[in-house]
Amino acid sequence: MIDPDSVGVLISGPVEAELSVVLFRGGWADVDFVAGTDDAGAFPASGIASAREFGVRLDGWVARVFGRTASSGGPTP
C-alpha cells in the first residue's frame, strides 16, 4: 500500500490486558482496552494534530491500561 489511511497496533501485557489503537489520517483514533475483568472500554481520541501529540496520548493510554509508562518500564508516579 502506497498511501494508507490508517495504521494500527495491538499491545498485550500481563493478565490478558490489551490496548488496541488504530490511528486514522484525519487526526482521530479508535482506542479500545481491556485492563482487567471489570475494566474495559474505549478512550476518546480525536483532534490529534501531530505525531508528538499522538505519542503523548499513547503513553497515557499505556499507563492507564498497564500501570506503567512505555518509556520507563516501571510504575507511574
Protein backbone atom coordinates (compact mmCIF):
# COMPACT_ATOMS: atom_id res chain seq x y z
CA MET A 1 0.00 0.00 0.00
CA ILE A 2 1.46 3.34 -1.02
CA ASP A 3 -0.70 5.78 0.94
CA PRO A 4 -2.54 4.14 3.87
CA ASP A 5 -5.50 5.78 5.58
CA SER A 6 -4.74 4.19 8.95
CA VAL A 7 -2.22 2.27 10.99
CA GLY A 8 -2.92 0.06 13.97
CA VAL A 9 -1.15 -1.59 16.85
CA LEU A 10 -2.21 -4.17 19.45
CA ILE A 11 -0.28 -4.14 22.72
CA SER A 12 -0.78 -7.04 25.11
CA GLY A 13 0.57 -7.49 28.58
CA PRO A 14 0.15 -9.26 31.89
CA VAL A 15 -3.13 -10.81 32.99
CA GLU A 16 -4.56 -10.63 29.46
CA ALA A 17 -4.53 -6.80 29.40
CA GLU A 18 -4.71 -5.35 25.89
CA LEU A 19 -4.66 -1.96 24.22
CA SER A 20 -5.77 -1.68 20.60
CA VAL A 21 -5.10 1.60 18.76
CA VAL A 22 -5.93 2.43 15.14
CA LEU A 23 -4.77 5.91 14.11
CA PHE A 24 -6.58 7.43 11.13
CA ARG A 25 -5.30 10.03 8.71
CA GLY A 26 -7.95 12.56 9.80
CA GLY A 27 -6.40 13.01 13.26
CA TRP A 28 -8.52 10.60 15.27
CA ALA A 29 -8.10 7.08 16.59
CA ASP A 30 -10.12 4.08 17.69
CA VAL A 31 -8.72 3.16 21.10
CA ASP A 32 -10.10 0.10 22.91
CA PHE A 33 -8.73 -1.55 26.04
CA VAL A 34 -9.10 -4.42 28.47
CA ALA A 35 -7.24 -3.80 31.72
CA GLY A 36 -9.00 -6.38 33.87
CA THR A 37 -12.11 -8.49 34.29
CA ASP A 38 -14.28 -5.48 35.19
CA ASP A 39 -12.21 -2.79 33.46
CA ALA A 40 -12.67 -2.47 29.71
CA GLY A 41 -13.84 0.18 27.29
CA ALA A 42 -12.71 2.85 24.88
CA PHE A 43 -10.81 6.13 25.20
CA PRO A 44 -11.83 9.29 23.35
CA ALA A 45 -9.24 10.14 20.72
CA SER A 46 -9.96 12.98 18.34
CA GLY A 47 -8.13 16.14 17.36
CA ILE A 48 -4.70 14.51 17.18
CA ALA A 49 -2.67 17.18 15.38
CA SER A 50 0.86 15.73 15.32
CA ALA A 51 2.97 12.63 15.79
CA ARG A 52 4.27 14.12 19.06
CA GLU A 53 0.73 14.58 20.39
CA PHE A 54 -0.13 11.01 19.40
CA GLY A 55 2.95 9.78 21.29
CA VAL A 56 1.94 11.68 24.42
CA ARG A 57 -1.58 10.24 24.26
CA LEU A 58 -0.27 6.73 23.61
CA ASP A 59 1.98 6.97 26.69
CA GLY A 60 -1.07 7.95 28.74
CA TRP A 61 -3.18 5.08 27.41
CA VAL A 62 -0.39 2.59 28.11
CA ALA A 63 -0.01 3.95 31.65
CA ARG A 64 -3.76 3.65 32.25
CA VAL A 65 -4.08 0.09 30.91
CA PHE A 66 -0.80 -1.43 32.09
CA GLY A 67 0.05 0.79 35.08
CA ARG A 68 3.37 1.95 33.67
CA THR A 69 4.77 4.26 31.02
CA ALA A 70 6.17 2.88 27.79
CA SER A 71 9.47 4.72 28.18
CA SER A 72 10.21 3.95 31.84
CA GLY A 73 9.15 0.33 32.08
CA GLY A 74 8.32 0.99 35.71
CA PRO A 75 5.33 2.07 37.75
CA THR A 76 3.91 5.52 37.17
CA PRO A 77 4.43 8.02 40.00
